[in-house]
Amino acid sequence: MSRIAAVAARIEDIISAIIPETRTLAGAARFVRSDRPLLADAAPRSFYLDTTGDMTWTGELAQDRDGAILDETFELTLAYRGSTNQRAVRDVIRQDALRIQYELLDPANWADGQNQWRCQRRQFGAVNATRDGEGDGAQILVSMLITLTYRPF
């Protein structure tokens, strides 16, 4: 697997390994990776990682290309079910989003013996939510941008 593919797979592995603190309200005890973009029928706490196409190379003018680094932005989408207690759902979404960001920031999650990831920086954009429906039947899709700075080659 190329390092470029491995970085995206590592993000998915980190998220899949998280055990959310609030399990019952969100309708699922774990985050589950989806192989397709999430639609209105997505299972609770399923997630899909996509690339936004935003990739920027950075390097010093006198530096050879081996030292160049890439800023790549991914979009993470998570699915939730609505509830009559909208405040509780909001808090679960906030807690999950912050936990995902926290775990992606943890250097231990990127450590390996070969420095395979070469991930130097993780940044996060705004967390956005869209709701389709009301109450228990509502579908909520939450998206957040994740920008990684790494050496892909």
N, C-alpha and C. Protein backbone atom coordinates (compact mmCIF):
# COMPACT_ATOMS: atom_id res chain seq x y z
N MET A 1 0.85 -1.17 0.00
CA MET A 1 0.00 0.00 0.00
C MET A 1 0.90 1.23 0.00
N SER A 2 0.57 2.20 -0.84
CA SER A 2 1.35 3.43 -0.88
C SER A 2 1.15 4.22 0.42
N ARG A 3 2.08 5.09 0.72
CA ARG A 3 1.95 5.92 1.92
C ARG A 3 0.72 6.81 1.83
N ILE A 4 0.39 7.27 0.63
CA ILE A 4 -0.78 8.14 0.45
C ILE A 4 -2.05 7.39 0.85
N ALA A 5 -2.19 6.16 0.38
CA ALA A 5 -3.35 5.35 0.76
C ALA A 5 -3.29 4.96 2.24
N ALA A 6 -2.09 4.70 2.73
CA ALA A 6 -1.92 4.28 4.12
C ALA A 6 -2.32 5.39 5.10
N VAL A 7 -2.08 6.64 4.75
CA VAL A 7 -2.45 7.75 5.64
C VAL A 7 -3.96 7.81 5.81
N ALA A 8 -4.70 7.70 4.71
CA ALA A 8 -6.16 7.72 4.81
C ALA A 8 -6.65 6.50 5.59
N ALA A 9 -6.07 5.34 5.34
CA ALA A 9 -6.46 4.13 6.07
C ALA A 9 -6.15 4.27 7.56
N ARG A 10 -5.05 4.96 7.89
CA ARG A 10 -4.70 5.16 9.31
C ARG A 10 -5.74 6.03 10.01
N ILE A 11 -6.20 7.08 9.34
CA ILE A 11 -7.26 7.92 9.92
C ILE A 11 -8.48 7.04 10.23
N GLU A 12 -8.87 6.21 9.27
CA GLU A 12 -10.03 5.34 9.46
C GLU A 12 -9.80 4.35 10.60
N ASP A 13 -8.60 3.80 10.71
CA ASP A 13 -8.29 2.86 11.78
C ASP A 13 -8.35 3.53 13.16
N ILE A 14 -7.84 4.75 13.24
CA ILE A 14 -7.87 5.48 14.52
C ILE A 14 -9.31 5.71 14.95
N ILE A 15 -10.17 6.15 14.01
CA ILE A 15 -11.57 6.42 14.34
C ILE A 15 -12.29 5.12 14.71
N SER A 16 -12.04 4.06 13.97
CA SER A 16 -12.69 2.76 14.25
C SER A 16 -12.33 2.22 15.63
N ALA A 17 -11.16 2.57 16.13
CA ALA A 17 -10.70 2.06 17.42
C ALA A 17 -11.28 2.83 18.61
N ILE A 18 -11.88 3.97 18.37
CA ILE A 18 -12.43 4.78 19.46
C ILE A 18 -13.69 4.12 20.02
N ILE A 19 -13.75 4.04 21.33
CA ILE A 19 -14.97 3.58 22.01
C ILE A 19 -15.62 4.82 22.61
N PRO A 20 -16.73 5.28 22.01
CA PRO A 20 -17.37 6.50 22.49
C PRO A 20 -17.85 6.35 23.93
N GLU A 21 -17.80 7.45 24.66
CA GLU A 21 -18.23 7.43 26.05
C GLU A 21 -19.75 7.30 26.17
N THR A 22 -20.48 7.93 25.27
CA THR A 22 -21.94 7.88 25.28
C THR A 22 -22.37 6.90 24.20
N ARG A 23 -22.94 5.78 24.61
CA ARG A 23 -23.23 4.74 23.63
C ARG A 23 -24.71 4.63 23.29
N THR A 24 -25.59 4.80 24.26
CA THR A 24 -26.99 4.48 24.03
C THR A 24 -27.71 5.51 23.17
N LEU A 25 -27.51 6.78 23.42
CA LEU A 25 -28.27 7.80 22.73
C LEU A 25 -27.96 7.84 21.24
N ALA A 26 -26.73 7.63 20.88
CA ALA A 26 -26.35 7.70 19.47
C ALA A 26 -26.79 6.46 18.70
N GLY A 27 -27.20 5.41 19.37
CA GLY A 27 -27.72 4.23 18.69
C GLY A 27 -26.67 3.21 18.29
N ALA A 28 -25.43 3.45 18.61
CA ALA A 28 -24.36 2.50 18.27
C ALA A 28 -23.21 2.67 19.26
N ALA A 29 -22.60 1.55 19.61
CA ALA A 29 -21.54 1.57 20.61
C ALA A 29 -20.17 1.87 20.01
N ARG A 30 -20.03 1.77 18.69
CA ARG A 30 -18.73 1.99 18.03
C ARG A 30 -18.94 2.79 16.75
N PHE A 31 -17.84 3.34 16.27
CA PHE A 31 -17.83 3.96 14.96
C PHE A 31 -17.59 2.86 13.93
N VAL A 32 -18.34 2.89 12.85
CA VAL A 32 -18.25 1.85 11.82
C VAL A 32 -17.94 2.51 10.48
N ARG A 33 -16.89 2.05 9.85
CA ARG A 33 -16.45 2.58 8.56
C ARG A 33 -17.43 2.19 7.45
N SER A 34 -17.75 3.14 6.59
CA SER A 34 -18.60 2.88 5.43
C SER A 34 -17.73 2.95 4.17
N ASP A 35 -18.03 2.09 3.22
CA ASP A 35 -17.29 2.09 1.96
C ASP A 35 -17.92 3.02 0.92
N ARG A 36 -19.01 3.67 1.28
CA ARG A 36 -19.66 4.59 0.34
C ARG A 36 -20.09 5.85 1.07
N PRO A 37 -20.29 6.94 0.34
CA PRO A 37 -20.76 8.16 1.00
C PRO A 37 -22.06 7.89 1.76
N LEU A 38 -22.23 8.57 2.88
CA LEU A 38 -23.39 8.34 3.74
C LEU A 38 -24.63 9.02 3.17
N LEU A 39 -25.73 8.28 3.20
CA LEU A 39 -27.01 8.79 2.73
C LEU A 39 -27.98 8.82 3.91
N ALA A 40 -29.22 9.13 3.63
CA ALA A 40 -30.22 9.27 4.68
C ALA A 40 -30.48 7.97 5.44
N ASP A 41 -30.12 6.83 4.88
CA ASP A 41 -30.36 5.55 5.55
C ASP A 41 -29.13 5.01 6.27
N ALA A 42 -28.11 5.83 6.44
CA ALA A 42 -26.86 5.37 7.06
C ALA A 42 -27.09 4.96 8.51
N ALA A 43 -26.39 3.93 8.92
CA ALA A 43 -26.47 3.44 10.29
C ALA A 43 -25.86 4.47 11.25
N PRO A 44 -26.37 4.54 12.48
CA PRO A 44 -25.81 5.48 13.45
C PRO A 44 -24.33 5.23 13.69
N ARG A 45 -23.60 6.29 13.82
CA ARG A 45 -22.15 6.32 14.06
C ARG A 45 -21.35 5.66 12.94
N SER A 46 -21.94 5.51 11.78
CA SER A 46 -21.13 5.09 10.65
C SER A 46 -20.40 6.33 10.15
N PHE A 47 -19.25 6.11 9.50
CA PHE A 47 -18.49 7.25 9.00
C PHE A 47 -17.89 6.95 7.65
N TYR A 48 -17.65 8.01 6.91
CA TYR A 48 -17.05 7.91 5.58
C TYR A 48 -15.98 8.99 5.46
N LEU A 49 -14.80 8.59 5.03
CA LEU A 49 -13.70 9.54 4.85
C LEU A 49 -13.48 9.73 3.36
N ASP A 50 -13.48 10.98 2.94
CA ASP A 50 -13.29 11.30 1.53
C ASP A 50 -12.22 12.37 1.43
N THR A 51 -11.61 12.47 0.27
CA THR A 51 -10.66 13.55 0.05
C THR A 51 -11.40 14.72 -0.57
N THR A 52 -10.98 15.91 -0.24
CA THR A 52 -11.62 17.09 -0.82
C THR A 52 -10.93 17.50 -2.12
N GLY A 53 -9.78 16.92 -2.38
CA GLY A 53 -9.00 17.32 -3.55
C GLY A 53 -8.08 18.49 -3.26
N ASP A 54 -8.13 19.00 -2.03
CA ASP A 54 -7.28 20.13 -1.64
C ASP A 54 -5.93 19.59 -1.18
N MET A 55 -4.92 19.70 -2.06
CA MET A 55 -3.58 19.22 -1.75
C MET A 55 -2.59 20.33 -2.11
N THR A 56 -1.72 20.67 -1.16
CA THR A 56 -0.75 21.74 -1.37
C THR A 56 0.63 21.25 -0.99
N TRP A 57 1.56 21.36 -1.91
CA TRP A 57 2.96 21.01 -1.63
C TRP A 57 3.65 22.19 -0.98
N THR A 58 4.55 21.90 -0.02
CA THR A 58 5.34 22.92 0.65
C THR A 58 6.79 22.44 0.69
N GLY A 59 7.70 23.33 0.41
CA GLY A 59 9.11 23.00 0.48
C GLY A 59 9.95 24.25 0.34
N GLU A 60 11.15 24.20 0.87
CA GLU A 60 12.08 25.31 0.75
C GLU A 60 12.60 25.38 -0.68
N LEU A 61 12.93 26.55 -1.13
CA LEU A 61 13.39 26.74 -2.50
C LEU A 61 14.65 25.94 -2.79
N ALA A 62 15.59 25.90 -1.86
CA ALA A 62 16.87 25.21 -2.09
C ALA A 62 16.80 23.74 -1.67
N GLN A 63 15.65 23.31 -1.20
CA GLN A 63 15.50 21.96 -0.68
C GLN A 63 15.22 20.98 -1.82
N ASP A 64 15.77 19.77 -1.74
CA ASP A 64 15.44 18.79 -2.76
C ASP A 64 14.02 18.29 -2.51
N ARG A 65 13.46 17.61 -3.46
CA ARG A 65 12.05 17.23 -3.35
C ARG A 65 11.80 16.18 -2.29
N ASP A 66 12.83 15.47 -1.81
CA ASP A 66 12.63 14.50 -0.74
C ASP A 66 12.18 15.17 0.55
N GLY A 67 12.51 16.45 0.72
CA GLY A 67 12.11 17.16 1.93
C GLY A 67 10.77 17.85 1.80
N ALA A 68 10.16 17.78 0.63
CA ALA A 68 8.87 18.45 0.43
C ALA A 68 7.77 17.74 1.22
N ILE A 69 6.85 18.52 1.71
CA ILE A 69 5.73 17.97 2.47
C ILE A 69 4.42 18.36 1.81
N LEU A 70 3.38 17.59 2.11
CA LEU A 70 2.08 17.77 1.50
C LEU A 70 1.06 18.10 2.57
N ASP A 71 0.26 19.12 2.32
CA ASP A 71 -0.94 19.40 3.13
C ASP A 71 -2.11 18.83 2.35
N GLU A 72 -2.79 17.85 2.92
CA GLU A 72 -3.94 17.24 2.25
C GLU A 72 -5.15 17.32 3.16
N THR A 73 -6.29 17.72 2.59
CA THR A 73 -7.51 17.87 3.37
C THR A 73 -8.49 16.75 3.04
N PHE A 74 -9.01 16.13 4.10
CA PHE A 74 -10.02 15.09 4.01
C PHE A 74 -11.31 15.62 4.62
N GLU A 75 -12.43 15.06 4.17
CA GLU A 75 -13.70 15.36 4.80
C GLU A 75 -14.23 14.10 5.46
N LEU A 76 -14.48 14.19 6.75
CA LEU A 76 -15.03 13.08 7.51
C LEU A 76 -16.51 13.35 7.72
N THR A 77 -17.36 12.37 7.37
CA THR A 77 -18.80 12.49 7.58
C THR A 77 -19.25 11.37 8.51
N LEU A 78 -20.03 11.75 9.53
CA LEU A 78 -20.55 10.80 10.51
C LEU A 78 -22.06 10.87 10.51
N ALA A 79 -22.72 9.73 10.74
CA ALA A 79 -24.18 9.68 10.76
C ALA A 79 -24.68 9.49 12.19
N TYR A 80 -25.78 10.17 12.51
CA TYR A 80 -26.44 10.04 13.81
C TYR A 80 -27.94 9.99 13.59
N ARG A 81 -28.64 9.41 14.55
CA ARG A 81 -30.10 9.42 14.55
C ARG A 81 -30.56 10.54 15.48
N GLY A 82 -31.67 11.12 15.12
CA GLY A 82 -32.25 12.16 15.95
C GLY A 82 -32.90 11.58 17.19
N SER A 83 -33.38 12.47 18.03
CA SER A 83 -34.04 12.08 19.27
C SER A 83 -34.98 13.20 19.66
N THR A 84 -35.95 12.89 20.50
CA THR A 84 -36.80 13.96 21.02
C THR A 84 -36.00 14.86 21.96
N ASN A 85 -34.90 14.34 22.49
CA ASN A 85 -34.01 15.13 23.35
C ASN A 85 -32.86 15.67 22.48
N GLN A 86 -33.12 16.75 21.78
CA GLN A 86 -32.14 17.29 20.84
C GLN A 86 -30.88 17.80 21.53
N ARG A 87 -31.01 18.28 22.74
CA ARG A 87 -29.83 18.75 23.47
C ARG A 87 -28.87 17.60 23.75
N ALA A 88 -29.40 16.45 24.11
CA ALA A 88 -28.56 15.29 24.38
C ALA A 88 -27.85 14.84 23.11
N VAL A 89 -28.55 14.84 21.97
CA VAL A 89 -27.92 14.46 20.70
C VAL A 89 -26.82 15.45 20.35
N ARG A 90 -27.08 16.73 20.54
CA ARG A 90 -26.06 17.75 20.28
C ARG A 90 -24.81 17.49 21.11
N ASP A 91 -25.00 17.15 22.37
CA ASP A 91 -23.85 16.91 23.25
C ASP A 91 -23.08 15.66 22.83
N VAL A 92 -23.78 14.62 22.38
CA VAL A 92 -23.11 13.41 21.89
C VAL A 92 -22.27 13.74 20.66
N ILE A 93 -22.84 14.50 19.74
CA ILE A 93 -22.12 14.88 18.53
C ILE A 93 -20.88 15.69 18.88
N ARG A 94 -21.01 16.65 19.77
CA ARG A 94 -19.87 17.47 20.18
C ARG A 94 -18.80 16.60 20.84
N GLN A 95 -19.23 15.72 21.72
CA GLN A 95 -18.30 14.85 22.43
C GLN A 95 -17.56 13.93 21.44
N ASP A 96 -18.29 13.35 20.49
CA ASP A 96 -17.66 12.48 19.51
C ASP A 96 -16.69 13.24 18.62
N ALA A 97 -17.09 14.42 18.15
CA ALA A 97 -16.21 15.21 17.27
C ALA A 97 -14.92 15.58 17.99
N LEU A 98 -15.02 16.00 19.22
CA LEU A 98 -13.83 16.37 19.98
C LEU A 98 -12.96 15.16 20.28
N ARG A 99 -13.58 14.02 20.55
CA ARG A 99 -12.80 12.81 20.83
C ARG A 99 -12.05 12.34 19.58
N ILE A 100 -12.70 12.42 18.42
CA ILE A 100 -12.03 12.05 17.17
C ILE A 100 -10.83 12.97 16.93
N GLN A 101 -11.04 14.26 17.09
CA GLN A 101 -9.94 15.20 16.90
C GLN A 101 -8.81 14.93 17.89
N TYR A 102 -9.16 14.69 19.13
CA TYR A 102 -8.17 14.42 20.17
C TYR A 102 -7.34 13.18 19.83
N GLU A 103 -8.00 12.11 19.39
CA GLU A 103 -7.29 10.88 19.05
C GLU A 103 -6.41 11.06 17.82
N LEU A 104 -6.86 11.84 16.85
CA LEU A 104 -6.04 12.09 15.67
C LEU A 104 -4.83 12.97 16.00
N LEU A 105 -4.93 13.77 17.04
CA LEU A 105 -3.80 14.60 17.47
C LEU A 105 -2.76 13.82 18.26
N ASP A 106 -3.15 12.70 18.84
CA ASP A 106 -2.26 11.93 19.71
C ASP A 106 -1.10 11.34 18.90
N PRO A 107 0.14 11.75 19.19
CA PRO A 107 1.28 11.21 18.45
C PRO A 107 1.42 9.70 18.56
N ALA A 108 0.97 9.13 19.67
CA ALA A 108 1.07 7.68 19.84
C ALA A 108 0.26 6.93 18.79
N ASN A 109 -0.82 7.53 18.29
CA ASN A 109 -1.63 6.88 17.26
C ASN A 109 -0.96 6.89 15.90
N TRP A 110 0.10 7.67 15.77
CA TRP A 110 0.83 7.77 14.50
C TRP A 110 2.22 7.16 14.60
N ALA A 111 2.56 6.61 15.76
CA ALA A 111 3.90 6.06 15.97
C ALA A 111 3.99 4.67 15.38
N ASP A 112 5.10 4.42 14.72
CA ASP A 112 5.44 3.08 14.30
C ASP A 112 6.95 3.01 14.15
N GLY A 113 7.48 1.84 14.07
CA GLY A 113 8.93 1.66 14.05
C GLY A 113 9.61 2.18 12.79
N GLN A 114 8.86 2.34 11.72
CA GLN A 114 9.47 2.74 10.45
C GLN A 114 9.17 4.18 10.06
N ASN A 115 8.50 4.92 10.94
CA ASN A 115 8.08 6.28 10.63
C ASN A 115 7.29 6.30 9.32
N GLN A 116 6.45 5.31 9.17
CA GLN A 116 5.69 5.11 7.94
C GLN A 116 4.80 6.30 7.59
N TRP A 117 4.21 6.91 8.59
CA TRP A 117 3.21 7.94 8.31
C TRP A 117 3.86 9.27 7.96
N ARG A 118 4.98 9.56 8.61
CA ARG A 118 5.65 10.85 8.43
C ARG A 118 4.67 12.01 8.58
N CYS A 119 3.72 11.85 9.46
CA CYS A 119 2.69 12.86 9.68
C CYS A 119 3.22 13.90 10.66
N GLN A 120 3.30 15.14 10.21
CA GLN A 120 3.90 16.19 11.01
C GLN A 120 2.88 17.07 11.71
N ARG A 121 1.71 17.25 11.13
CA ARG A 121 0.73 18.17 11.72
C ARG A 121 -0.68 17.71 11.35
N ARG A 122 -1.61 17.89 12.29
CA ARG A 122 -3.03 17.63 12.06
C ARG A 122 -3.79 18.89 12.43
N GLN A 123 -4.67 19.33 11.54
CA GLN A 123 -5.50 20.50 11.80
C GLN A 123 -6.95 20.15 11.48
N PHE A 124 -7.87 20.84 12.12
CA PHE A 124 -9.28 20.53 11.95
C PHE A 124 -10.06 21.79 11.60
N GLY A 125 -10.99 21.63 10.66
CA GLY A 125 -11.87 22.73 10.29
C GLY A 125 -13.15 22.68 11.12
N ALA A 126 -14.09 23.50 10.75
CA ALA A 126 -15.36 23.58 11.46
C ALA A 126 -16.12 22.26 11.37
N VAL A 127 -16.92 21.99 12.39
CA VAL A 127 -17.80 20.83 12.41
C VAL A 127 -19.19 21.32 12.01
N ASN A 128 -19.75 20.72 10.97
CA ASN A 128 -21.06 21.14 10.46
C ASN A 128 -22.03 19.97 10.52
N ALA A 129 -23.29 20.28 10.78
CA ALA A 129 -24.32 19.25 10.86
C ALA A 129 -25.52 19.63 10.00
N THR A 130 -26.09 18.63 9.32
CA THR A 130 -27.33 18.82 8.59
C THR A 130 -28.32 17.79 9.10
N ARG A 131 -29.56 18.24 9.27
CA ARG A 131 -30.62 17.38 9.83
C ARG A 131 -31.70 17.18 8.77
N ASP A 132 -32.11 15.92 8.64
CA ASP A 132 -33.21 15.58 7.74
C ASP A 132 -34.29 14.93 8.58
N GLY A 133 -35.38 15.62 8.82
CA GLY A 133 -36.47 15.11 9.63
C GLY A 133 -36.43 15.66 11.04
N GLU A 134 -37.36 15.17 11.87
CA GLU A 134 -37.47 15.64 13.25
C GLU A 134 -37.59 14.45 14.20
N GLY A 135 -37.25 14.68 15.44
CA GLY A 135 -37.42 13.69 16.49
C GLY A 135 -36.60 12.42 16.26
N ASP A 136 -37.17 11.29 16.71
CA ASP A 136 -36.46 10.01 16.64
C ASP A 136 -36.18 9.56 15.22
N GLY A 137 -36.95 10.01 14.25
CA GLY A 137 -36.77 9.60 12.87
C GLY A 137 -35.78 10.46 12.10
N ALA A 138 -35.23 11.46 12.72
CA ALA A 138 -34.33 12.37 12.01
C ALA A 138 -32.99 11.69 11.72
N GLN A 139 -32.41 12.07 10.60
CA GLN A 139 -31.07 11.63 10.24
C GLN A 139 -30.18 12.87 10.32
N ILE A 140 -29.07 12.77 11.03
CA ILE A 140 -28.13 13.89 11.17
C ILE A 140 -26.80 13.46 10.58
N LEU A 141 -26.31 14.25 9.63
CA LEU A 141 -24.99 14.00 9.06
C LEU A 141 -24.07 15.12 9.52
N VAL A 142 -22.98 14.73 10.12
CA VAL A 142 -22.00 15.67 10.67
C VAL A 142 -20.74 15.56 9.83
N SER A 143 -20.20 16.70 9.42
CA SER A 143 -18.96 16.67 8.64
C SER A 143 -17.92 17.56 9.28
N MET A 144 -16.67 17.16 9.12
CA MET A 144 -15.56 17.98 9.60
C MET A 144 -14.39 17.80 8.64
N LEU A 145 -13.62 18.87 8.49
CA LEU A 145 -12.44 18.83 7.65
C LEU A 145 -11.23 18.48 8.50
N ILE A 146 -10.37 17.62 7.96
CA ILE A 146 -9.14 17.21 8.62
C ILE A 146 -8.02 17.47 7.64
N THR A 147 -7.05 18.28 8.03
CA THR A 147 -5.90 18.55 7.17
C THR A 147 -4.66 17.92 7.81
N LEU A 148 -3.99 17.08 7.04
CA LEU A 148 -2.77 16.44 7.50
C LEU A 148 -1.58 17.00 6.73
N THR A 149 -0.49 17.19 7.42
CA THR A 149 0.76 17.57 6.79
C THR A 149 1.70 16.38 6.93
N TYR A 150 2.14 15.85 5.79
CA TYR A 150 2.99 14.65 5.83
C TYR A 150 3.87 14.57 4.59
N ARG A 151 4.84 13.68 4.64
CA ARG A 151 5.70 13.41 3.49
C ARG A 151 5.17 12.16 2.79
N PRO A 152 4.59 12.32 1.60
CA PRO A 152 3.96 11.18 0.96
C PRO A 152 4.92 10.22 0.26
N PHE A 153 6.14 10.66 0.02
CA PHE A 153 7.11 9.80 -0.71
C PHE A 153 8.41 9.71 0.06
